[in-house]
C-alpha atoms as a PDB file:
ATOM      1  CA  MET A   1     -24.206  -1.295   5.022  1.00  0.00           C
ATOM      2  CA  ARG A   2     -24.427  -0.470   1.370  1.00  0.00           C
ATOM      3  CA  LEU A   3     -23.727   3.200   2.111  1.00  0.00           C
ATOM      4  CA  LEU A   4     -20.600   2.110   3.972  1.00  0.00           C
ATOM      5  CA  PHE A   5     -19.308   0.204   0.853  1.00  0.00           C
ATOM      6  CA  ASP A   6     -20.264   3.052  -1.450  1.00  0.00           C
ATOM      7  CA  SER A   7     -18.378   5.615   0.580  1.00  0.00           C
ATOM      8  CA  ALA A   8     -15.395   3.285   1.068  1.00  0.00           C
ATOM      9  CA  LYS A   9     -15.318   2.633  -2.653  1.00  0.00           C
ATOM     10  CA  MET A  10     -15.087   6.322  -3.470  1.00  0.00           C
ATOM     11  CA  LEU A  11     -12.293   6.907  -0.964  1.00  0.00           C
ATOM     12  CA  LEU A  12     -10.314   3.842  -2.146  1.00  0.00           C
ATOM     13  CA  LEU A  13     -10.702   5.107  -5.710  1.00  0.00           C
ATOM     14  CA  ASP A  14      -9.192   8.419  -4.775  1.00  0.00           C
ATOM     15  CA  LEU A  15      -6.259   6.697  -3.102  1.00  0.00           C
ATOM     16  CA  ALA A  16      -5.829   3.807  -5.649  1.00  0.00           C
ATOM     17  CA  SER A  17      -2.736   5.183  -7.423  1.00  0.00           C
ATOM     18  CA  THR A  18      -0.917   5.696  -4.110  1.00  0.00           C
ATOM     19  CA  PHE A  19      -1.736   2.123  -2.942  1.00  0.00           C
ATOM     20  CA  LEU A  20      -0.699   0.755  -6.361  1.00  0.00           C
ATOM     21  CA  PHE A  21       2.719   2.533  -6.066  1.00  0.00           C
ATOM     22  CA  LEU A  22       3.385   1.233  -2.595  1.00  0.00           C
ATOM     23  CA  ALA A  23       2.141  -2.361  -3.479  1.00  0.00           C
ATOM     24  CA  LEU A  24       4.442  -2.517  -6.568  1.00  0.00           C
ATOM     25  CA  VAL A  25       7.472  -1.265  -4.644  1.00  0.00           C
ATOM     26  CA  LEU A  26       6.835  -4.013  -2.120  1.00  0.00           C
ATOM     27  CA  LEU A  27       6.208  -6.700  -4.599  1.00  0.00           C
ATOM     28  CA  PHE A  28       8.780  -6.017  -7.245  1.00  0.00           C
ATOM     29  CA  LYS A  29      11.211  -3.634  -5.516  1.00  0.00           C
ATOM     30  CA  ASN A  30      11.197  -1.647  -8.718  1.00  0.00           C
ATOM     31  CA  ILE A  31      10.689   2.032  -8.224  1.00  0.00           C
ATOM     32  CA  THR A  32      10.527   2.858 -11.841  1.00  0.00           C
ATOM     33  CA  LEU A  33       7.710   0.326 -12.540  1.00  0.00           C
ATOM     34  CA  ALA A  34       5.822   1.496  -9.365  1.00  0.00           C
ATOM     35  CA  VAL A  35       6.099   5.134 -10.381  1.00  0.00           C
ATOM     36  CA  VAL A  36       5.009   4.750 -13.996  1.00  0.00           C
ATOM     37  CA  ALA A  37       2.087   2.416 -12.946  1.00  0.00           C
ATOM     38  CA  GLY A  38       0.975   4.800 -10.279  1.00  0.00           C
ATOM     39  CA  MET A  39       1.117   7.795 -12.683  1.00  0.00           C
ATOM     40  CA  ALA A  40      -0.719   6.034 -15.388  1.00  0.00           C
ATOM     41  CA  LEU A  41      -3.595   4.850 -13.077  1.00  0.00           C
ATOM     42  CA  GLY A  42      -3.881   8.422 -11.549  1.00  0.00           C
ATOM     43  CA  ALA A  43      -4.113   9.943 -14.997  1.00  0.00           C
ATOM     44  CA  ALA A  44      -6.502   7.266 -16.322  1.00  0.00           C
ATOM     45  CA  GLN A  45      -8.892   7.804 -13.375  1.00  0.00           C
ATOM     46  CA  ILE A  46      -9.146  11.553 -13.981  1.00  0.00           C
ATOM     47  CA  GLY A  47      -9.337  10.976 -17.782  1.00  0.00           C
ATOM     48  CA  TRP A  48     -12.191   8.535 -17.259  1.00  0.00           C
ATOM     49  CA  GLU A  49     -14.104  11.079 -15.152  1.00  0.00           C
ATOM     50  CA  LEU A  50     -13.515  13.852 -17.641  1.00  0.00           C
ATOM     51  CA  ALA A  51     -14.480  11.569 -20.608  1.00  0.00           C
ATOM     52  CA  ARG A  52     -17.722  10.834 -18.796  1.00  0.00           C
ATOM     53  CA  LYS A  53     -18.166  14.601 -18.218  1.00  0.00           C
ATOM     54  CA  GLN A  54     -18.291  14.042 -14.440  1.00  0.00           C
ATOM     55  CA  PRO A  55     -17.097  16.724 -12.030  1.00  0.00           C
ATOM     56  CA  VAL A  56     -13.590  16.112 -10.645  1.00  0.00           C
ATOM     57  CA  ASP A  57     -13.350  16.880  -6.884  1.00  0.00           C
ATOM     58  CA  ALA A  58     -10.432  18.796  -5.354  1.00  0.00           C
ATOM     59  CA  MET A  59      -9.216  15.609  -3.585  1.00  0.00           C
ATOM     60  CA  GLN A  60      -9.100  13.723  -6.801  1.00  0.00           C
ATOM     61  CA  TRP A  61      -7.044  16.542  -8.395  1.00  0.00           C
ATOM     62  CA  LEU A  62      -4.722  16.489  -5.331  1.00  0.00           C
ATOM     63  CA  SER A  63      -4.306  12.757  -5.699  1.00  0.00           C
ATOM     64  CA  LEU A  64      -3.360  13.135  -9.294  1.00  0.00           C
ATOM     65  CA  PHE A  65      -0.937  15.973  -8.502  1.00  0.00           C
ATOM     66  CA  VAL A  66       0.683  13.867  -5.839  1.00  0.00           C
ATOM     67  CA  VAL A  67       1.134  10.942  -8.154  1.00  0.00           C
ATOM     68  CA  LEU A  68       2.516  12.913 -11.023  1.00  0.00           C
ATOM     69  CA  ALA A  69       4.802  15.154  -9.073  1.00  0.00           C
ATOM     70  CA  SER A  70       6.187  12.452  -6.909  1.00  0.00           C
ATOM     71  CA  GLY A  71       6.555  10.117  -9.920  1.00  0.00           C
ATOM     72  CA  ALA A  72       8.339  12.719 -11.993  1.00  0.00           C
ATOM     73  CA  ALA A  73      10.698  13.553  -9.165  1.00  0.00           C
ATOM     74  CA  ALA A  74      11.412   9.791  -8.583  1.00  0.00           C
ATOM     75  CA  LEU A  75      12.262   9.174 -12.171  1.00  0.00           C
ATOM     76  CA  ILE A  76      14.490  12.197 -12.493  1.00  0.00           C
ATOM     77  CA  THR A  77      16.484  11.702  -9.270  1.00  0.00           C
ATOM     78  CA  ASP A  78      16.454   7.871  -9.090  1.00  0.00           C
ATOM     79  CA  ASP A  79      17.112   8.332  -5.327  1.00  0.00           C
ATOM     80  CA  PRO A  80      15.155   5.992  -3.138  1.00  0.00           C
ATOM     81  CA  ARG A  81      15.473   8.200   0.001  1.00  0.00           C
ATOM     82  CA  PHE A  82      14.005  11.089  -1.947  1.00  0.00           C
ATOM     83  CA  VAL A  83      11.143   8.883  -3.050  1.00  0.00           C
ATOM     84  CA  MET A  84      10.638   7.582   0.507  1.00  0.00           C
ATOM     85  CA  ILE A  85      10.583  11.021   2.101  1.00  0.00           C
ATOM     86  CA  LYS A  86       8.541  12.708  -0.634  1.00  0.00           C
ATOM     87  CA  PRO A  87       5.208  11.314   0.483  1.00  0.00           C
ATOM     88  CA  SER A  88       5.541  13.280   3.685  1.00  0.00           C
ATOM     89  CA  LEU A  89       5.325  16.503   1.763  1.00  0.00           C
ATOM     90  CA  PHE A  90       2.206  15.318   0.032  1.00  0.00           C
ATOM     91  CA  TYR A  91       0.677  13.982   3.315  1.00  0.00           C
ATOM     92  CA  GLY A  92       1.199  17.436   4.640  1.00  0.00           C
ATOM     93  CA  VAL A  93      -0.447  19.055   1.528  1.00  0.00           C
ATOM     94  CA  ALA A  94      -3.402  16.632   1.917  1.00  0.00           C
ATOM     95  CA  GLY A  95      -3.672  17.512   5.617  1.00  0.00           C
ATOM     96  CA  VAL A  96      -3.857  21.193   4.721  1.00  0.00           C
ATOM     97  CA  VAL A  97      -6.491  20.573   2.121  1.00  0.00           C
ATOM     98  CA  MET A  98      -8.418  18.482   4.639  1.00  0.00           C
ATOM     99  CA  LEU A  99      -8.482  21.399   6.987  1.00  0.00           C
ATOM    100  CA  ARG A 100     -11.103  22.923   4.675  1.00  0.00           C
ATOM    101  CA  PRO A 101     -14.477  22.401   6.506  1.00  0.00           C
ATOM    102  CA  GLY A 102     -16.886  20.315   4.394  1.00  0.00           C
ATOM    103  CA  TRP A 103     -14.458  18.576   2.222  1.00  0.00           C
ATOM    104  CA  MET A 104     -15.926  15.213   3.256  1.00  0.00           C
ATOM    105  CA  THR A 105     -19.400  16.197   1.962  1.00  0.00           C
ATOM    106  CA  ARG A 106     -18.578  14.419  -1.415  1.00  0.00           C
ATOM    107  CA  TYR A 107     -18.345  11.057   0.431  1.00  0.00           C
ATOM    108  CA  LEU A 108     -21.622  11.391   2.411  1.00  0.00           C
ATOM    109  CA  PRO A 109     -24.987   9.985   1.464  1.00  0.00           C
ATOM    110  CA  PRO A 110     -27.849  12.555   1.352  1.00  0.00           C
ATOM    111  CA  ILE A 111     -29.299  11.526   4.781  1.00  0.00           C
ATOM    112  CA  ALA A 112     -25.867  12.161   6.439  1.00  0.00           C
ATOM    113  CA  LYS A 113     -25.697  15.583   4.789  1.00  0.00           C
ATOM    114  CA  GLU A 114     -28.950  16.402   6.262  1.00  0.00           C
ATOM    115  CA  LEU A 115     -28.413  14.969   9.789  1.00  0.00           C
ATOM    116  CA  VAL A 116     -24.730  15.128  10.607  1.00  0.00           C
ATOM    117  CA  PRO A 117     -22.923  17.762   8.534  1.00  0.00           C
ATOM    118  CA  ASP A 118     -21.314  19.119  11.760  1.00  0.00           C
ATOM    119  CA  ILE A 119     -19.925  15.645  12.684  1.00  0.00           C
ATOM    120  CA  ALA A 120     -18.593  15.310   9.203  1.00  0.00           C
ATOM    121  CA  VAL A 121     -16.668  18.554   9.607  1.00  0.00           C
ATOM    122  CA  LEU A 122     -15.129  17.232  12.879  1.00  0.00           C
ATOM    123  CA  PHE A 123     -14.075  14.018  11.226  1.00  0.00           C
ATOM    124  CA  GLY A 124     -12.665  16.055   8.267  1.00  0.00           C
ATOM    125  CA  PHE A 125     -10.344  17.649  10.897  1.00  0.00           C
ATOM    126  CA  ALA A 126      -9.496  14.216  12.210  1.00  0.00           C
ATOM    127  CA  TRP A 127      -8.439  13.134   8.731  1.00  0.00           C
ATOM    128  CA  ALA A 128      -6.207  16.183   8.513  1.00  0.00           C
ATOM    129  CA  VAL A 129      -4.535  15.133  11.863  1.00  0.00           C
ATOM    130  CA  LEU A 130      -4.011  11.589  10.476  1.00  0.00           C
ATOM    131  CA  MET A 131      -2.331  13.021   7.415  1.00  0.00           C
ATOM    132  CA  PHE A 132       0.019  15.167   9.466  1.00  0.00           C
ATOM    133  CA  ALA A 133       0.828  12.166  11.709  1.00  0.00           C
ATOM    134  CA  SER A 134       1.429   9.981   8.620  1.00  0.00           C
ATOM    135  CA  ALA A 135       3.796  12.626   7.316  1.00  0.00           C
ATOM    136  CA  ALA A 136       5.848  12.571  10.498  1.00  0.00           C
ATOM    137  CA  LEU A 137       5.846   8.817  10.729  1.00  0.00           C
ATOM    138  CA  ASN A 138       6.936   8.450   7.081  1.00  0.00           C
ATOM    139  CA  ILE A 139       9.871  10.668   7.654  1.00  0.00           C
ATOM    140  CA  TYR A 140      10.989   8.630  10.593  1.00  0.00           C
ATOM    141  CA  VAL A 141      10.606   5.232   8.888  1.00  0.00           C
ATOM    142  CA  ALA A 142      12.254   6.599   5.681  1.00  0.00           C
ATOM    143  CA  MET A 143      15.280   7.890   7.505  1.00  0.00           C
ATOM    144  CA  ASN A 144      15.778   4.743   9.641  1.00  0.00           C
ATOM    145  CA  TYR A 145      14.843   1.831   7.346  1.00  0.00           C
ATOM    146  CA  ASP A 146      15.452   0.464   3.857  1.00  0.00           C
ATOM    147  CA  VAL A 147      13.070   0.752   0.932  1.00  0.00           C
ATOM    148  CA  VAL A 148      11.394  -2.661   1.352  1.00  0.00           C
ATOM    149  CA  THR A 149      10.790  -2.185   5.059  1.00  0.00           C
ATOM    150  CA  TRP A 150       9.471   1.369   4.384  1.00  0.00           C
ATOM    151  CA  SER A 151       7.162   0.205   1.689  1.00  0.00           C
ATOM    152  CA  ALA A 152       5.791  -2.717   3.674  1.00  0.00           C
ATOM    153  CA  PHE A 153       5.241  -0.647   6.933  1.00  0.00           C
ATOM    154  CA  MET A 154       3.801   2.410   5.215  1.00  0.00           C
ATOM    155  CA  SER A 155       1.580   0.410   2.970  1.00  0.00           C
ATOM    156  CA  MET A 156       0.147  -1.449   6.036  1.00  0.00           C
ATOM    157  CA  PHE A 157      -0.073   1.798   8.172  1.00  0.00           C
ATOM    158  CA  ALA A 158      -1.733   3.641   5.321  1.00  0.00           C
ATOM    159  CA  ILE A 159      -4.387   1.105   4.748  1.00  0.00           C
ATOM    160  CA  VAL A 160      -5.072   0.147   8.454  1.00  0.00           C
ATOM    161  CA  SER A 161      -5.118   3.782   9.741  1.00  0.00           C
ATOM    162  CA  LYS A 162      -7.490   5.003   6.960  1.00  0.00           C
ATOM    163  CA  ILE A 163      -9.857   2.004   7.306  1.00  0.00           C
ATOM    164  CA  ALA A 164      -9.904   2.533  11.081  1.00  0.00           C
ATOM    165  CA  LEU A 165     -10.643   6.268  10.886  1.00  0.00           C
ATOM    166  CA  PHE A 166     -13.212   5.690   8.197  1.00  0.00           C
ATOM    167  CA  ALA A 167     -14.965   2.951  10.247  1.00  0.00           C
ATOM    168  CA  VAL A 168     -14.970   5.116  13.373  1.00  0.00           C
ATOM    169  CA  GLY A 169     -16.306   8.146  11.486  1.00  0.00           C
ATOM    170  CA  PHE A 170     -18.948   6.133   9.649  1.00  0.00           C
ATOM    171  CA  LEU A 171     -20.246   4.429  12.839  1.00  0.00           C
ATOM    172  CA  THR A 172     -20.189   7.674  14.865  1.00  0.00           C
ATOM    173  CA  MET A 173     -22.191   9.561  12.115  1.00  0.00           C
ATOM    174  CA  ARG A 174     -24.577   6.624  11.863  1.00  0.00           C
ATOM    175  CA  LEU A 175     -25.270   6.556  15.582  1.00  0.00           C
ATOM    176  CA  ILE A 176     -25.555  10.327  16.025  1.00  0.00           C
ATOM    177  CA  GLY A 177     -27.618  10.653  12.773  1.00  0.00           C
ATOM    178  CA  GLY A 178     -30.002   7.881  13.979  1.00  0.00           C
ATOM    179  CA  ARG A 179     -30.401   9.615  17.375  1.00  0.00           C
ATOM    180  CA  ARG A 180     -31.124  12.994  15.630  1.00  0.00           C
ATOM    181  CA  ARG A 181     -33.592  11.357  13.183  1.00  0.00           C
ATOM    182  CA  ARG A 182     -35.477   9.702  16.185  1.00  0.00           C
ATOM    183  CA  MET A 183     -35.607  13.129  17.915  1.00  0.00           C
ATOM    184  CA  GLN A 184     -36.960  14.709  14.745  1.00  0.00           C
ATOM    185  CA  VAL A 185     -39.679  12.066  14.481  1.00  0.00           C
ATOM    186  CA  ALA A 186     -40.604  12.388  18.132  1.00  0.00           C
ATOM    187  CA  ALA A 187     -40.757  16.216  17.847  1.00  0.00           C
ATOM    188  CA  VAL A 188     -43.165  15.942  14.824  1.00  0.00           C
ATOM    189  CA  ALA A 189     -45.184  13.362  16.634  1.00  0.00           C
ATOM    190  CA  GLY A 190     -45.448  15.575  19.762  1.00  0.00           C
ATOM    191  CA  ALA A 191     -46.474  18.600  17.645  1.00  0.00           C
ATOM    192  CA  LEU A 192     -49.206  16.520  15.911  1.00  0.00           C
ATOM    193  CA  ASN A 193     -50.514  15.224  19.276  1.00  0.00           C
ATOM    194  CA  THR A 194     -50.552  18.767  20.690  1.00  0.00           C
ATOM    195  CA  ARG A 195     -52.399  20.046  17.681  1.00  0.00           C
ATOM    196  CA  SER A 196     -54.941  17.239  17.713  1.00  0.00           C
ATOM    197  CA  ALA A 197     -55.522  17.623  21.441  1.00  0.00           C
ATOM    198  CA  SER A 198     -56.365  21.322  21.083  1.00  0.00           C
END
């Protein structure tokens, strides 16, 4: 269970600035405040990693780029429809990045890297599909509803869909990994029995 929480923590940290932006729009209905706070958090997270001389993963850089680019565009245009549709572009970019096999490796514990790297690649593609679906849904909601409705719905959808896919991926990898480990142990035990019998 600890591995689940550690992996979830890393994923949530990568998405924190996006969630902060959506939450502040929903709570205060102030796009400028939400944009500035999201940009500050995204930059602070990368700054913290660099100050600690930790490697910064491609997904972390993508997250920062999304926050800074969308934030700057929102501040320059002051157009809520532009802000509302813009995340679809970045969902699309995230989906393209997530089509890279093995991007999920950063989030896996060592045992999963050993036993289920192929399953992780499949779930990496599932994440890409979720990003593309989120992009399409975001455009639909942005074009048909106001800022508050958009923020509430997309915040909830973003959280629930990501938690659901994360949980399904984690449980699937855990079950398949456990089965593969038992098969490895049985194969080693069978080889030892064969050797001792001869």
